[in-house]
Amino acid sequence: MPANTDTANPAPLGLVAFGLTTVLLSLVNGGILPSAGESVVLPLAFAFGGTCQMFAGLLEYREGNTFGYTAFSSYGAFWWWFGLLVLFAGNGWLSLNAATVGAALLLWGLFTAYMWIATFKLNWALWSVFLTLTITFLLLGLGDLGFGTGTLGGYVGILTGLLAMYTSFAEVANWAWDRTVVPIGSAPLSD
């Protein structure tokens, strides 16, 4: 059994909540699952992608982890935004404007790019997640702006989600074994 610590690491929860929800939505965005499948993503976005990441972010705050707090809280809010957008549009409470959604996704890409810069001091696994997520947001945003890159964004999103799930798995497995059994790599840039 691993060494007892006062608090658990919230990152694996946040990573799997993000990764699993991202893979499911990206399967729809990539055209692998039908667009009607977006309605299945909706409750997952609220319950797992949004809420669990919010919890993970608040727990990262308690740990003093500015990166984890900012990332999980922000992407948890992203999933709530996405869920509300789909819910409100589906019920006719608002009309979607593709250009505005595209601009919002590009802004999420900008945010993710600056979070990616911080991962250069963390590990290769997180570096890969944030690099592919930046590309995903940019492709999806440009797709909504009429550049035809949305399907490609879905495929990159699948990779992004799987990388996040791998990182979660690695952190849980390494904790359980109390040693590195699943590698996440060292920091791409070290001192």
C-alpha atoms as a PDB file:
ATOM      1  CA  MET A   1       0.000   0.000   0.000  1.00  0.00           C
ATOM      2  CA  PRO A   2       1.369   3.478  -0.832  1.00  0.00           C
ATOM      3  CA  ALA A   3       2.671   5.772   1.858  1.00  0.00           C
ATOM      4  CA  ASN A   4      -0.125   7.506   3.750  1.00  0.00           C
ATOM      5  CA  THR A   5      -0.431  11.212   3.018  1.00  0.00           C
ATOM      6  CA  ASP A   6      -2.700  13.832   4.508  1.00  0.00           C
ATOM      7  CA  THR A   7      -4.423  14.622   1.213  1.00  0.00           C
ATOM      8  CA  ALA A   8      -5.019  12.858  -2.079  1.00  0.00           C
ATOM      9  CA  ASN A   9      -3.767  14.184  -5.403  1.00  0.00           C
ATOM     10  CA  PRO A  10      -6.812  15.695  -7.178  1.00  0.00           C
ATOM     11  CA  ALA A  11      -5.129  15.777 -10.597  1.00  0.00           C
ATOM     12  CA  PRO A  12      -6.042  12.216 -11.699  1.00  0.00           C
ATOM     13  CA  LEU A  13      -9.737  12.951 -11.078  1.00  0.00           C
ATOM     14  CA  GLY A  14      -9.584  16.207 -13.036  1.00  0.00           C
ATOM     15  CA  LEU A  15      -7.635  14.608 -15.869  1.00  0.00           C
ATOM     16  CA  VAL A  16      -9.975  11.648 -16.324  1.00  0.00           C
ATOM     17  CA  ALA A  17     -13.071  13.881 -16.053  1.00  0.00           C
ATOM     18  CA  PHE A  18     -11.621  16.083 -18.774  1.00  0.00           C
ATOM     19  CA  GLY A  19     -10.265  13.236 -20.902  1.00  0.00           C
ATOM     20  CA  LEU A  20     -13.290  10.953 -20.958  1.00  0.00           C
ATOM     21  CA  THR A  21     -15.709  13.807 -21.713  1.00  0.00           C
ATOM     22  CA  THR A  22     -13.370  15.142 -24.401  1.00  0.00           C
ATOM     23  CA  VAL A  23     -13.076  11.760 -26.123  1.00  0.00           C
ATOM     24  CA  LEU A  24     -16.851  11.330 -26.254  1.00  0.00           C
ATOM     25  CA  LEU A  25     -17.493  14.806 -27.670  1.00  0.00           C
ATOM     26  CA  SER A  26     -14.582  14.466 -30.081  1.00  0.00           C
ATOM     27  CA  LEU A  27     -16.028  11.233 -31.454  1.00  0.00           C
ATOM     28  CA  VAL A  28     -19.079  13.318 -32.385  1.00  0.00           C
ATOM     29  CA  ASN A  29     -16.980  16.230 -33.705  1.00  0.00           C
ATOM     30  CA  GLY A  30     -14.886  13.822 -35.777  1.00  0.00           C
ATOM     31  CA  GLY A  31     -17.998  12.311 -37.345  1.00  0.00           C
ATOM     32  CA  ILE A  32     -17.329   8.861 -35.886  1.00  0.00           C
ATOM     33  CA  LEU A  33     -20.532   9.080 -33.835  1.00  0.00           C
ATOM     34  CA  PRO A  34     -23.673  10.807 -35.159  1.00  0.00           C
ATOM     35  CA  SER A  35     -24.247  14.481 -34.318  1.00  0.00           C
ATOM     36  CA  ALA A  36     -27.353  13.442 -32.343  1.00  0.00           C
ATOM     37  CA  GLY A  37     -24.877  11.858 -29.919  1.00  0.00           C
ATOM     38  CA  GLU A  38     -24.122  15.343 -28.627  1.00  0.00           C
ATOM     39  CA  SER A  39     -27.206  14.956 -26.393  1.00  0.00           C
ATOM     40  CA  VAL A  40     -25.440  12.048 -24.640  1.00  0.00           C
ATOM     41  CA  VAL A  41     -22.395  14.249 -24.066  1.00  0.00           C
ATOM     42  CA  LEU A  42     -24.526  16.908 -22.356  1.00  0.00           C
ATOM     43  CA  PRO A  43     -25.132  15.204 -18.974  1.00  0.00           C
ATOM     44  CA  LEU A  44     -21.560  13.900 -18.973  1.00  0.00           C
ATOM     45  CA  ALA A  45     -20.325  17.467 -19.537  1.00  0.00           C
ATOM     46  CA  PHE A  46     -22.255  18.688 -16.498  1.00  0.00           C
ATOM     47  CA  ALA A  47     -21.720  15.756 -14.148  1.00  0.00           C
ATOM     48  CA  PHE A  48     -18.202  14.586 -14.936  1.00  0.00           C
ATOM     49  CA  GLY A  49     -16.366  16.998 -17.233  1.00  0.00           C
ATOM     50  CA  GLY A  50     -17.664  20.105 -15.467  1.00  0.00           C
ATOM     51  CA  THR A  51     -18.407  19.266 -11.867  1.00  0.00           C
ATOM     52  CA  CYS A  52     -15.579  16.807 -11.161  1.00  0.00           C
ATOM     53  CA  GLN A  53     -13.051  19.183 -12.688  1.00  0.00           C
ATOM     54  CA  MET A  54     -14.394  22.030 -10.558  1.00  0.00           C
ATOM     55  CA  PHE A  55     -13.922  19.857  -7.469  1.00  0.00           C
ATOM     56  CA  ALA A  56     -10.416  18.928  -8.606  1.00  0.00           C
ATOM     57  CA  GLY A  57      -9.605  22.604  -9.176  1.00  0.00           C
ATOM     58  CA  LEU A  58     -10.771  23.581  -5.698  1.00  0.00           C
ATOM     59  CA  LEU A  59      -8.745  20.760  -4.195  1.00  0.00           C
ATOM     60  CA  GLU A  60      -5.688  21.906  -6.177  1.00  0.00           C
ATOM     61  CA  TYR A  61      -6.197  25.349  -4.649  1.00  0.00           C
ATOM     62  CA  ARG A  62      -6.036  23.745  -1.213  1.00  0.00           C
ATOM     63  CA  GLU A  63      -2.775  22.066  -2.251  1.00  0.00           C
ATOM     64  CA  GLY A  64      -1.346  25.416  -3.375  1.00  0.00           C
ATOM     65  CA  ASN A  65      -1.101  24.263  -6.995  1.00  0.00           C
ATOM     66  CA  THR A  66      -1.802  27.371  -9.086  1.00  0.00           C
ATOM     67  CA  PHE A  67      -1.526  25.479 -12.371  1.00  0.00           C
ATOM     68  CA  GLY A  68      -3.929  22.700 -11.354  1.00  0.00           C
ATOM     69  CA  TYR A  69      -6.352  25.162  -9.768  1.00  0.00           C
ATOM     70  CA  THR A  70      -6.438  27.338 -12.888  1.00  0.00           C
ATOM     71  CA  ALA A  71      -6.605  24.449 -15.359  1.00  0.00           C
ATOM     72  CA  PHE A  72      -9.243  22.276 -13.696  1.00  0.00           C
ATOM     73  CA  SER A  73     -11.462  25.160 -12.611  1.00  0.00           C
ATOM     74  CA  SER A  74     -11.310  26.731 -16.067  1.00  0.00           C
ATOM     75  CA  TYR A  75     -11.927  23.549 -18.059  1.00  0.00           C
ATOM     76  CA  GLY A  76     -14.655  22.550 -15.606  1.00  0.00           C
ATOM     77  CA  ALA A  77     -16.294  25.888 -16.391  1.00  0.00           C
ATOM     78  CA  PHE A  78     -15.741  25.195 -20.108  1.00  0.00           C
ATOM     79  CA  TRP A  79     -17.799  22.005 -19.841  1.00  0.00           C
ATOM     80  CA  TRP A  80     -20.565  23.880 -18.030  1.00  0.00           C
ATOM     81  CA  TRP A  81     -20.476  26.534 -20.778  1.00  0.00           C
ATOM     82  CA  PHE A  82     -20.653  23.861 -23.461  1.00  0.00           C
ATOM     83  CA  GLY A  83     -23.487  22.031 -21.687  1.00  0.00           C
ATOM     84  CA  LEU A  84     -25.510  25.195 -21.184  1.00  0.00           C
ATOM     85  CA  LEU A  85     -24.906  26.230 -24.791  1.00  0.00           C
ATOM     86  CA  VAL A  86     -26.218  22.923 -26.127  1.00  0.00           C
ATOM     87  CA  LEU A  87     -29.105  22.837 -23.653  1.00  0.00           C
ATOM     88  CA  PHE A  88     -30.231  26.409 -24.282  1.00  0.00           C
ATOM     89  CA  ALA A  89     -29.880  26.133 -28.061  1.00  0.00           C
ATOM     90  CA  GLY A  90     -31.645  22.768 -28.126  1.00  0.00           C
ATOM     91  CA  ASN A  91     -34.604  24.215 -26.232  1.00  0.00           C
ATOM     92  CA  GLY A  92     -34.752  27.324 -28.407  1.00  0.00           C
ATOM     93  CA  TRP A  93     -33.732  29.631 -25.553  1.00  0.00           C
ATOM     94  CA  LEU A  94     -30.901  31.067 -27.618  1.00  0.00           C
ATOM     95  CA  SER A  95     -29.771  30.858 -31.182  1.00  0.00           C
ATOM     96  CA  LEU A  96     -26.235  29.804 -31.935  1.00  0.00           C
ATOM     97  CA  ASN A  97     -24.019  31.957 -34.075  1.00  0.00           C
ATOM     98  CA  ALA A  98     -21.233  29.828 -35.544  1.00  0.00           C
ATOM     99  CA  ALA A  99     -18.830  32.763 -35.819  1.00  0.00           C
ATOM    100  CA  THR A 100     -19.270  33.654 -32.143  1.00  0.00           C
ATOM    101  CA  VAL A 101     -18.840  30.034 -31.072  1.00  0.00           C
ATOM    102  CA  GLY A 102     -15.742  29.885 -33.302  1.00  0.00           C
ATOM    103  CA  ALA A 103     -14.337  33.025 -31.675  1.00  0.00           C
ATOM    104  CA  ALA A 104     -15.006  31.563 -28.218  1.00  0.00           C
ATOM    105  CA  LEU A 105     -13.178  28.348 -29.157  1.00  0.00           C
ATOM    106  CA  LEU A 106     -10.223  30.359 -30.485  1.00  0.00           C
ATOM    107  CA  LEU A 107     -10.091  32.218 -27.168  1.00  0.00           C
ATOM    108  CA  TRP A 108     -10.063  28.870 -25.368  1.00  0.00           C
ATOM    109  CA  GLY A 109      -7.180  27.942 -27.671  1.00  0.00           C
ATOM    110  CA  LEU A 110      -5.319  31.090 -26.637  1.00  0.00           C
ATOM    111  CA  PHE A 111      -5.885  30.332 -22.949  1.00  0.00           C
ATOM    112  CA  THR A 112      -4.743  26.742 -23.482  1.00  0.00           C
ATOM    113  CA  ALA A 113      -1.619  27.920 -25.319  1.00  0.00           C
ATOM    114  CA  TYR A 114      -0.509  29.985 -22.360  1.00  0.00           C
ATOM    115  CA  MET A 115      -1.260  27.102 -20.002  1.00  0.00           C
ATOM    116  CA  TRP A 116       0.822  24.899 -22.334  1.00  0.00           C
ATOM    117  CA  ILE A 117       3.819  27.207 -21.806  1.00  0.00           C
ATOM    118  CA  ALA A 118       3.681  26.408 -18.070  1.00  0.00           C
ATOM    119  CA  THR A 119       3.809  22.657 -18.806  1.00  0.00           C
ATOM    120  CA  PHE A 120       7.353  23.019 -20.110  1.00  0.00           C
ATOM    121  CA  LYS A 121       8.338  22.955 -16.415  1.00  0.00           C
ATOM    122  CA  LEU A 122       6.007  20.072 -15.450  1.00  0.00           C
ATOM    123  CA  ASN A 123       6.180  16.801 -17.425  1.00  0.00           C
ATOM    124  CA  TRP A 124       5.919  15.409 -20.946  1.00  0.00           C
ATOM    125  CA  ALA A 125       2.465  13.916 -20.354  1.00  0.00           C
ATOM    126  CA  LEU A 126       0.896  17.264 -19.413  1.00  0.00           C
ATOM    127  CA  TRP A 127       2.920  19.016 -22.113  1.00  0.00           C
ATOM    128  CA  SER A 128       1.358  16.656 -24.682  1.00  0.00           C
ATOM    129  CA  VAL A 129      -2.180  17.118 -23.330  1.00  0.00           C
ATOM    130  CA  PHE A 130      -1.982  20.904 -23.483  1.00  0.00           C
ATOM    131  CA  LEU A 131      -0.276  20.987 -26.880  1.00  0.00           C
ATOM    132  CA  THR A 132      -2.923  18.778 -28.475  1.00  0.00           C
ATOM    133  CA  LEU A 133      -5.723  20.628 -26.670  1.00  0.00           C
ATOM    134  CA  THR A 134      -4.445  23.942 -28.040  1.00  0.00           C
ATOM    135  CA  ILE A 135      -4.505  22.468 -31.556  1.00  0.00           C
ATOM    136  CA  THR A 136      -7.979  20.988 -30.945  1.00  0.00           C
ATOM    137  CA  PHE A 137      -9.464  24.334 -29.908  1.00  0.00           C
ATOM    138  CA  LEU A 138      -7.831  26.124 -32.834  1.00  0.00           C
ATOM    139  CA  LEU A 139      -9.105  23.580 -35.368  1.00  0.00           C
ATOM    140  CA  LEU A 140     -12.624  23.561 -33.896  1.00  0.00           C
ATOM    141  CA  GLY A 141     -12.711  27.362 -33.725  1.00  0.00           C
ATOM    142  CA  LEU A 142     -11.522  27.748 -37.296  1.00  0.00           C
ATOM    143  CA  GLY A 143     -14.032  25.093 -38.331  1.00  0.00           C
ATOM    144  CA  ASP A 144     -16.887  27.133 -36.849  1.00  0.00           C
ATOM    145  CA  LEU A 145     -15.519  30.152 -38.707  1.00  0.00           C
ATOM    146  CA  GLY A 146     -15.933  28.277 -41.998  1.00  0.00           C
ATOM    147  CA  PHE A 147     -12.444  26.885 -42.623  1.00  0.00           C
ATOM    148  CA  GLY A 148     -13.551  23.236 -42.705  1.00  0.00           C
ATOM    149  CA  THR A 149     -11.256  22.047 -39.918  1.00  0.00           C
ATOM    150  CA  GLY A 150     -13.899  20.886 -37.421  1.00  0.00           C
ATOM    151  CA  THR A 151     -13.674  17.177 -38.244  1.00  0.00           C
ATOM    152  CA  LEU A 152      -9.887  17.268 -37.948  1.00  0.00           C
ATOM    153  CA  GLY A 153     -10.361  19.049 -34.627  1.00  0.00           C
ATOM    154  CA  GLY A 154     -12.501  16.111 -33.539  1.00  0.00           C
ATOM    155  CA  TYR A 155      -9.734  13.645 -34.348  1.00  0.00           C
ATOM    156  CA  VAL A 156      -7.094  15.696 -32.522  1.00  0.00           C
ATOM    157  CA  GLY A 157      -9.574  16.002 -29.642  1.00  0.00           C
ATOM    158  CA  ILE A 158      -9.754  12.212 -29.391  1.00  0.00           C
ATOM    159  CA  LEU A 159      -5.965  12.119 -29.048  1.00  0.00           C
ATOM    160  CA  THR A 160      -6.113  14.936 -26.472  1.00  0.00           C
ATOM    161  CA  GLY A 161      -8.661  13.110 -24.343  1.00  0.00           C
ATOM    162  CA  LEU A 162      -6.783   9.833 -24.527  1.00  0.00           C
ATOM    163  CA  LEU A 163      -3.563  11.571 -23.465  1.00  0.00           C
ATOM    164  CA  ALA A 164      -5.375  13.105 -20.474  1.00  0.00           C
ATOM    165  CA  MET A 165      -6.779   9.702 -19.532  1.00  0.00           C
ATOM    166  CA  TYR A 166      -3.309   8.157 -19.862  1.00  0.00           C
ATOM    167  CA  THR A 167      -1.869  10.822 -17.560  1.00  0.00           C
ATOM    168  CA  SER A 168      -4.624  10.164 -15.011  1.00  0.00           C
ATOM    169  CA  PHE A 169      -3.973   6.430 -15.241  1.00  0.00           C
ATOM    170  CA  ALA A 170      -0.235   6.980 -14.770  1.00  0.00           C
ATOM    171  CA  GLU A 171      -0.724   9.116 -11.671  1.00  0.00           C
ATOM    172  CA  VAL A 172      -3.135   6.621 -10.083  1.00  0.00           C
ATOM    173  CA  ALA A 173      -0.988   3.582 -10.951  1.00  0.00           C
ATOM    174  CA  ASN A 174       2.209   5.257  -9.768  1.00  0.00           C
ATOM    175  CA  TRP A 175       0.515   6.208  -6.496  1.00  0.00           C
ATOM    176  CA  ALA A 176      -0.844   2.672  -5.992  1.00  0.00           C
ATOM    177  CA  TRP A 177       2.552   1.077  -6.605  1.00  0.00           C
ATOM    178  CA  ASP A 178       4.385   3.876  -4.759  1.00  0.00           C
ATOM    179  CA  ARG A 179       6.867   4.104  -7.627  1.00  0.00           C
ATOM    180  CA  THR A 180       6.896   4.907 -11.331  1.00  0.00           C
ATOM    181  CA  VAL A 181       5.290   2.038 -13.221  1.00  0.00           C
ATOM    182  CA  VAL A 182       3.630   4.168 -15.913  1.00  0.00           C
ATOM    183  CA  PRO A 183       5.918   6.945 -17.177  1.00  0.00           C
ATOM    184  CA  ILE A 184       4.849  10.564 -17.550  1.00  0.00           C
ATOM    185  CA  GLY A 185       8.298  11.890 -18.445  1.00  0.00           C
ATOM    186  CA  SER A 186      10.314  14.653 -16.913  1.00  0.00           C
ATOM    187  CA  ALA A 187       9.906  18.351 -17.587  1.00  0.00           C
ATOM    188  CA  PRO A 188      10.589  19.246 -21.245  1.00  0.00           C
ATOM    189  CA  LEU A 189      12.619  22.205 -19.949  1.00  0.00           C
ATOM    190  CA  SER A 190      14.553  21.677 -16.753  1.00  0.00           C
ATOM    191  CA  ASP A 191      16.646  24.146 -14.808  1.00  0.00           C
END
